[in-house]
C-alpha cells in the first residue's frame, strides 16, 4: 500500500485506494446537491398497496414508508443519484445504460431495455434476454424493469456500502463499514459476464421439425401467454349457510391476546476485522485448486488453507523473499482411533507412529486429489513443512497408503462407515481450462481471465473485407461426426448447457464454471442476481444481503443496516441496534420495556400503541381484549374467554372446549339455539 508523509509529525499514513477516494468525493458532491435521504422519492406511488397508500413518506431511519410500511424500493421512485450508483462504484464498473436491442421472441423491431449485460455483443445480449423469458426482460416502463430496479436495491442495499445512507453511525461504526466494503471489493464481489458455449468454428445443418416450428410460432405470436391458468376458486366461502346444513367446528384454543415480552442484550466481536473470505480463493489459486469449492466442509483441509504460515510462504515466494519452513501446528495430533473395532492392532500402531488422528485420516482419504495438488505445489515452490505436525504426518500417511494396499483398504472401509464422511468430501478438482470445458468467452474486455471472441474467427471482429474468404474457409457445413466436445453443466441445476447457447460466467468462480441465464441466482434466496452482481463465498454466488448472513454479520431489522457494534438487542428471532429497538408505531424506545410483537410484521409495539391501534375488540361486549386477557378467535371474530358463550335465547352455555357454529358472527351450541335467534 502506498504511503504519504506528514511534514509536521513525520508519521507515514496509508493513502486510500483511488476507487475509495473517488467514492468519498462523489458522495460528498451528491450530499451537497441532493435532498435529505428521507425526502428522496417523496410521494411516489406504492407498487404493493396501490391506491391504499397516498404516496411514499419515508421514515427518517427505518427505510420504510410511514403510510403503508412498505420498503422504499417497493415504491415507484424515479432514479436518485444518492442511492443508485453505489452498487457499481464498489464494483469498479460503470452502470449499464438503456439500450435498444432486437429480441425475436418479443418483437420484430428493436425494443428499449433499461439494462443489458456489459461488454458483450448484440447477438449474445439478444439470446440472453430470450433465455430469461419475456416476463423478465427489463423493457423500459414495464413491470420487469421496475422489478429489476427493486431487486438491485434489495439485493445490494446501498446502505451496506455507503455510510452516508446510514442513520448517524459513530466514527468507529463508519470505519468498520468502510473496512467491510474494502474486503468484499477485494475478495468476493463481481459482475457476471455473458458468453456463448462451445467452438463456433464448425457449423451444422439442422432442419427444424414441424413441432419445433409450431413452438416457435407460439412464442413469437404470444399464444402461450394467453393459455396461462388463472385461479378459478373464490378465496373464501360464505359464512352463512342454511340452518339445516350447519357446520359445527372443533373447540377453539384459549390463549392470551398477546404475550408481553422483553428483549435480550447481545454482544459480538466487531466482525469486519475477523471476516474470513477471499484468502481461501487466493491460496486455492496458488495451489492449483478450484475456487468453486466450499473448503470449510473439511475442517483439516480448511485449517491448512487458512494457516497464516502457509499464506505468508506463498506471499514471500511471489515477492522473491526467503521462505521459512511452514509450521501450521507444532503439537502432535493425539490418536483417537484406539477403540475402533474395524481397525486391526497393527494398523492402529502404524497410525499412532505416523502421528495422525481420525479426522486427518478421513480428510486424507476422502479429499486425496486436493492433497495431491497441494503437495505438488509445495514441492514445486520448494516450501518445506517437515516440522509441521499437520502437513508432514498427512503426507507420510499418503505415502504409506501408496505402498501398503491392505492398510489402504482397511482405512477405506473405516472412513466409509464414519457418519460425516459424505459431508466433508469435496468434488474432484477439474482442470482450469476454458477450452476443454467447451466454453468460449464473450468479447468482454473486462473479464480479466483470457476471454475469447464469442463469434467465429473473422466474424464480428473483422476490420476489412479482405480477410473474409479465409474466415469462411474455417467454417464448413457438414453432417459428419465430429470429435465430442466436453459437456458444460450448469452450476446451479446441473443440467447441460447446449453448444451455441449463451451462459453466464463469474470470474471469481473459475473459468470452467457456468450457469444458464435463468439459473444465475443467489444460492440462498434463489432470486435472479440483478444486473449479474454477485458475491462469491464458499464456492457459491450470493446477493449482498445473503452474503452478510453467511458471514454472520447481524442486520438491524428496524433500520435494515448491518450492525458493527459490540452491543445490540435480540428479540423475536431478529437483531436490532439498541437505539433502534423502538415501538414500530410511535418510535418509543423499548430497551428493558415490555412489548407486543405485531402479528403481520413481528416488529415490537409498545403496550400503549397495541391497545390503541391493534388490540382486537370483543364481539360480545365491545371492549378491547387487553394483552393480559384470555380470549378466543374464529377468523377475524374475537371474544374474551368469558364472553364466548352460546348466543341462543335462554342458553348462555360456555363454548370453551366444546363444539360450536357461528352465524352472523354469533356463536351457537346447537341448531335449536340458532333457530331461536335467526
Foldseek 3Di string as FASTA:
>chain_A
DDWDADPPPRDIDDDDDPLVVVVVVVLVVLVVPDDQPQPAQFQFAFQPPGPQFRGARGDNFQQARLRPRHHPLRGPGDDDPNQPAQLVSLQVHGAAAWDWADAQLEDRGTFIAGHFFPFFDRVLRNLLQVLQPPQQTRGPPDPNVSVLSSQQCVLAPSVLQDVSSHDDDDPVVVVLSPLLSVVLSQAWWHFKHKFFFFAPLEDADDDDDPVNVVVSVCSNVVVVVVVDDDDDDDPDDDQDDPLVDFDWDFFFDKDFLFDWDAWDKFFDAQQSVPFDGRQLLVVCVLLQFFLLAQQVLQVLSVLVSPAPLVSVQVVCLVVVHDHDADASDQDFADEDCPPPPLDDPVLSVVLVVLGDYLSLLLCCVQAVLSLVSNVVSCVVSVHHHCSHNRNRSSVVVVVCCVVPVVSVVSSVVVSVPDPCSVRNHIDHGDRLDLQLLRTAFGSGPPLPPDHHHNHQVCPPPDDDPPCVVVRVVSYDYDDDDDPDRHWQAAPQPRHTDDHRRMWIDTSSRGNSHTHRSNQCAAPPPSDHNNSSIWTDGSSGTHRNVVVCVVSVFAAANRSRYTDSGGMWIDDPNHIHRQQQLAAPNPRHRANVHIWGQDPPPRRTHHQVCCQVPPFAAAPQPRHGRHSRFMWGDDVNHIHGQQRQAAPAPPGRHRCRSHMWGADPSGIHRGSVSVVRVD
